[in-house]
N, C-alpha and C. Protein backbone atom coordinates (compact mmCIF):
# COMPACT_ATOMS: atom_id res chain seq x y z
N MET A 1 126.08 102.79 67.44
CA MET A 1 126.33 103.42 68.01
C MET A 1 127.88 102.76 69.16
N VAL A 2 128.65 103.81 69.34
CA VAL A 2 129.75 103.15 70.13
C VAL A 2 129.54 103.03 71.77
N ASN A 3 129.81 102.24 72.59
CA ASN A 3 129.80 101.95 73.73
C ASN A 3 131.04 102.35 74.63
N VAL A 4 131.08 103.48 75.29
CA VAL A 4 132.38 103.89 75.86
C VAL A 4 132.09 103.75 77.72
N LYS A 5 132.96 103.13 78.27
CA LYS A 5 132.87 103.28 79.66
C LYS A 5 134.60 103.67 80.17
N VAL A 6 134.38 104.70 81.58
CA VAL A 6 135.52 105.37 81.74
C VAL A 6 135.25 104.59 83.33
N LEU A 7 136.78 103.55 83.38
CA LEU A 7 136.67 102.78 84.73
C LEU A 7 137.34 103.64 85.86
N GLY A 8 136.99 104.20 86.92
CA GLY A 8 137.63 104.69 87.97
C GLY A 8 136.70 105.28 88.81
N PRO A 9 137.41 105.71 90.27
CA PRO A 9 136.21 105.95 91.60
C PRO A 9 136.10 107.62 91.32
N GLY A 10 136.37 108.15 90.16
CA GLY A 10 136.09 109.61 90.05
C GLY A 10 137.23 110.61 90.46
N CYS A 11 138.28 110.18 90.74
CA CYS A 11 139.83 111.02 90.43
C CYS A 11 139.84 111.75 89.48
N PRO A 12 140.77 112.93 89.50
CA PRO A 12 140.94 113.78 88.76
C PRO A 12 141.50 113.06 87.37
N ASN A 13 142.67 112.06 87.58
CA ASN A 13 143.11 111.41 86.13
C ASN A 13 141.66 110.90 85.51
N CYS A 14 140.63 110.38 86.46
CA CYS A 14 139.64 109.81 85.66
C CYS A 14 138.69 110.96 85.17
N GLN A 15 138.33 111.85 85.55
CA GLN A 15 137.65 112.86 84.99
C GLN A 15 138.36 113.59 83.85
N ARG A 16 139.86 113.72 83.81
CA ARG A 16 140.62 113.83 82.75
C ARG A 16 140.45 113.05 81.54
N LEU A 17 140.27 111.76 81.79
CA LEU A 17 140.16 110.76 80.72
C LEU A 17 138.81 111.21 80.10
N ALA A 18 138.10 111.13 80.85
CA ALA A 18 136.55 111.38 80.30
C ALA A 18 136.42 112.59 79.79
N GLN A 19 136.84 113.61 80.07
CA GLN A 19 137.14 114.78 79.23
C GLN A 19 137.57 114.56 77.70
N VAL A 20 138.83 113.77 77.98
CA VAL A 20 139.56 113.37 76.81
C VAL A 20 138.63 112.80 75.48
N VAL A 21 137.75 111.56 76.17
CA VAL A 21 136.80 111.01 75.40
C VAL A 21 135.93 112.02 75.05
N TYR A 22 135.28 112.81 75.65
CA TYR A 22 134.21 113.94 75.24
C TYR A 22 134.73 114.67 74.15
N ASP A 23 136.01 115.16 74.25
CA ASP A 23 136.45 116.17 73.35
C ASP A 23 136.65 115.55 71.76
N VAL A 24 136.92 114.14 71.89
CA VAL A 24 137.61 113.29 70.81
C VAL A 24 136.29 113.07 70.00
N LEU A 25 135.45 112.71 70.78
CA LEU A 25 133.77 112.41 70.38
C LEU A 25 133.29 113.59 69.63
N GLU A 26 133.54 114.49 70.39
CA GLU A 26 132.91 116.19 69.78
C GLU A 26 133.75 116.09 68.29
N GLU A 27 134.71 116.24 68.26
CA GLU A 27 135.74 116.48 67.26
C GLU A 27 135.39 115.81 65.97
N LEU A 28 135.33 114.12 66.24
CA LEU A 28 134.72 113.57 65.35
C LEU A 28 133.34 113.12 65.10
N GLU A 29 132.42 113.82 65.65
CA GLU A 29 131.17 113.98 65.57
C GLU A 29 130.57 112.56 65.35
N LEU A 30 130.92 111.83 66.46
CA LEU A 30 130.48 110.20 66.83
C LEU A 30 129.26 110.18 67.92
N GLU A 31 128.50 109.87 67.72
CA GLU A 31 127.31 109.29 68.69
C GLU A 31 128.00 108.42 69.34
N ALA A 32 127.90 108.23 70.73
CA ALA A 32 128.29 107.33 71.56
C ALA A 32 127.50 107.22 72.89
N SER A 33 127.32 106.05 73.60
CA SER A 33 126.80 106.03 75.05
C SER A 33 128.06 106.01 76.13
N ILE A 34 128.15 107.01 76.71
CA ILE A 34 129.31 107.10 77.77
C ILE A 34 128.86 106.77 79.33
N GLU A 35 129.66 105.76 79.69
CA GLU A 35 129.07 105.34 81.18
C GLU A 35 130.36 105.50 82.14
N LYS A 36 130.37 106.33 83.16
CA LYS A 36 131.17 106.33 84.20
C LYS A 36 131.20 105.37 85.39
N VAL A 37 131.79 104.19 85.21
CA VAL A 37 131.65 102.97 86.34
C VAL A 37 132.63 103.40 87.29
N THR A 38 132.07 103.54 88.82
CA THR A 38 132.47 104.20 89.84
C THR A 38 132.83 103.12 90.80
N LYS A 39 131.86 102.22 90.54
CA LYS A 39 132.10 100.97 92.13
C LYS A 39 132.96 100.17 91.86
N TYR A 40 133.90 99.72 92.61
CA TYR A 40 134.91 98.78 92.51
C TYR A 40 134.76 97.41 91.98
N PRO A 41 133.49 96.74 92.67
CA PRO A 41 132.87 95.76 92.27
C PRO A 41 132.79 95.25 90.72
N GLU A 42 132.40 96.49 90.10
CA GLU A 42 132.10 96.56 88.45
C GLU A 42 133.16 96.87 88.20
N ILE A 43 134.14 97.80 88.47
CA ILE A 43 135.38 97.96 87.98
C ILE A 43 136.45 96.55 87.61
N LEU A 44 136.34 95.86 88.70
CA LEU A 44 137.01 94.79 88.79
C LEU A 44 136.71 93.51 87.81
N LYS A 45 135.60 93.93 87.30
CA LYS A 45 134.98 92.80 86.52
C LYS A 45 135.81 92.94 84.90
N TYR A 46 136.35 93.95 84.86
CA TYR A 46 137.31 94.30 83.84
C TYR A 46 138.75 93.83 83.74
N ASN A 47 138.95 93.35 85.09
CA ASN A 47 140.40 92.67 85.24
C ASN A 47 141.51 93.60 84.90
N ILE A 48 141.30 95.00 85.58
CA ILE A 48 142.49 95.99 85.36
C ILE A 48 143.11 96.35 86.69
N LEU A 49 144.47 96.46 86.44
CA LEU A 49 144.96 96.76 87.87
C LEU A 49 145.40 98.30 88.56
N ALA A 50 144.91 98.80 87.66
CA ALA A 50 144.94 100.22 87.77
C ALA A 50 143.96 101.16 87.19
N THR A 51 143.69 102.13 87.54
CA THR A 51 142.56 103.29 86.95
C THR A 51 143.10 104.58 86.57
N PRO A 52 142.69 105.22 85.77
CA PRO A 52 141.46 105.23 85.10
C PRO A 52 141.85 104.04 84.13
N GLY A 53 140.77 103.79 83.63
CA GLY A 53 140.51 102.65 82.55
C GLY A 53 139.51 102.89 81.64
N LEU A 54 139.81 102.64 80.30
CA LEU A 54 138.91 102.87 79.33
C LEU A 54 138.45 101.52 78.42
N VAL A 55 137.23 101.23 78.29
CA VAL A 55 136.53 100.15 77.71
C VAL A 55 135.76 100.87 76.44
N ILE A 56 136.14 100.59 75.32
CA ILE A 56 135.23 100.57 74.09
C ILE A 56 134.71 99.73 73.39
N ASN A 57 133.59 99.49 73.49
CA ASN A 57 132.66 98.36 72.79
C ASN A 57 133.09 96.93 73.65
N GLY A 58 133.11 97.10 74.81
CA GLY A 58 133.08 95.85 75.69
C GLY A 58 134.77 95.77 76.06
N LYS A 59 135.57 96.26 75.04
CA LYS A 59 136.94 95.72 74.94
C LYS A 59 137.90 96.77 76.03
N VAL A 60 138.57 96.43 76.85
CA VAL A 60 139.58 97.53 77.64
C VAL A 60 140.82 97.59 76.64
N VAL A 61 140.85 98.89 76.32
CA VAL A 61 141.95 99.63 75.97
C VAL A 61 143.16 100.21 76.17
N SER A 62 142.53 100.66 77.45
CA SER A 62 143.71 101.28 78.17
C SER A 62 143.43 101.18 79.85
N ALA A 63 144.48 101.25 80.34
CA ALA A 63 144.32 101.01 82.11
C ALA A 63 145.57 101.78 82.71
N GLY A 64 145.61 102.57 83.74
CA GLY A 64 146.58 103.11 84.33
C GLY A 64 147.17 104.16 84.26
N ARG A 65 146.79 104.64 82.94
CA ARG A 65 147.13 105.79 82.42
C ARG A 65 146.43 107.00 81.63
N ILE A 66 146.30 108.09 81.24
CA ILE A 66 145.64 108.77 80.41
C ILE A 66 146.07 108.98 79.03
N PRO A 67 145.68 108.08 78.00
CA PRO A 67 145.93 108.39 76.76
C PRO A 67 145.95 109.43 76.16
N SER A 68 146.67 109.51 75.13
CA SER A 68 146.70 110.67 74.36
C SER A 68 145.23 110.92 73.36
N LYS A 69 144.96 112.00 72.98
CA LYS A 69 143.89 112.35 72.47
C LYS A 69 143.94 111.29 70.79
N ALA A 70 145.16 111.44 70.49
CA ALA A 70 145.28 110.50 69.07
C ALA A 70 145.24 109.31 69.40
N GLU A 71 145.13 108.48 70.54
CA GLU A 71 145.41 107.09 70.88
C GLU A 71 143.53 107.00 70.91
N VAL A 72 143.14 108.08 71.70
CA VAL A 72 141.35 107.59 72.00
C VAL A 72 140.82 107.86 70.55
N ARG A 73 141.46 108.79 69.54
CA ARG A 73 140.77 108.84 68.35
C ARG A 73 140.78 107.70 67.39
N THR A 74 142.08 107.02 67.73
CA THR A 74 142.13 105.69 66.72
C THR A 74 141.17 104.91 66.99
N TRP A 75 141.43 104.76 68.60
CA TRP A 75 140.22 103.43 69.22
C TRP A 75 138.77 103.86 68.71
N LEU A 76 138.34 105.06 68.93
CA LEU A 76 136.93 105.38 68.71
C LEU A 76 136.56 105.16 67.24
N GLN A 77 137.78 105.82 66.27
CA GLN A 77 137.25 105.52 64.78
C GLN A 77 137.23 104.12 64.33
N ALA A 78 138.09 103.05 65.04
CA ALA A 78 138.13 101.74 64.77
C ALA A 78 136.69 101.41 65.43
N ALA A 79 136.28 101.74 66.72
CA ALA A 79 134.94 101.09 66.94
C ALA A 79 133.76 101.27 66.26
N ALA A 80 133.93 102.58 65.45
CA ALA A 80 132.63 103.10 64.69
C ALA A 80 132.50 102.44 63.57
N LYS A 81 133.75 102.04 62.93
CA LYS A 81 133.52 101.30 61.83
C LYS A 81 133.27 99.74 61.80
N ALA A 82 133.44 99.08 63.32
CA ALA A 82 133.34 97.56 63.44
C ALA A 82 131.74 97.45 63.49
């Protein structure tokens, strides 16, 4: 199972990123655990400079922007195969 974390305080961009992740997971029919990390001390553990951040299986794959569905699809497919 893929482990996904969306890092951010819950701002509109963070919510949009979470929706992109949900959409891609549904399209790919992948099972994943999704966690929204909203507390700054926890976010800082991932050493990102801007939110929203996206962590897949413990690896930061994006920070400070909303990646495209195609990018998220590629990352999730790779994580599912690992």
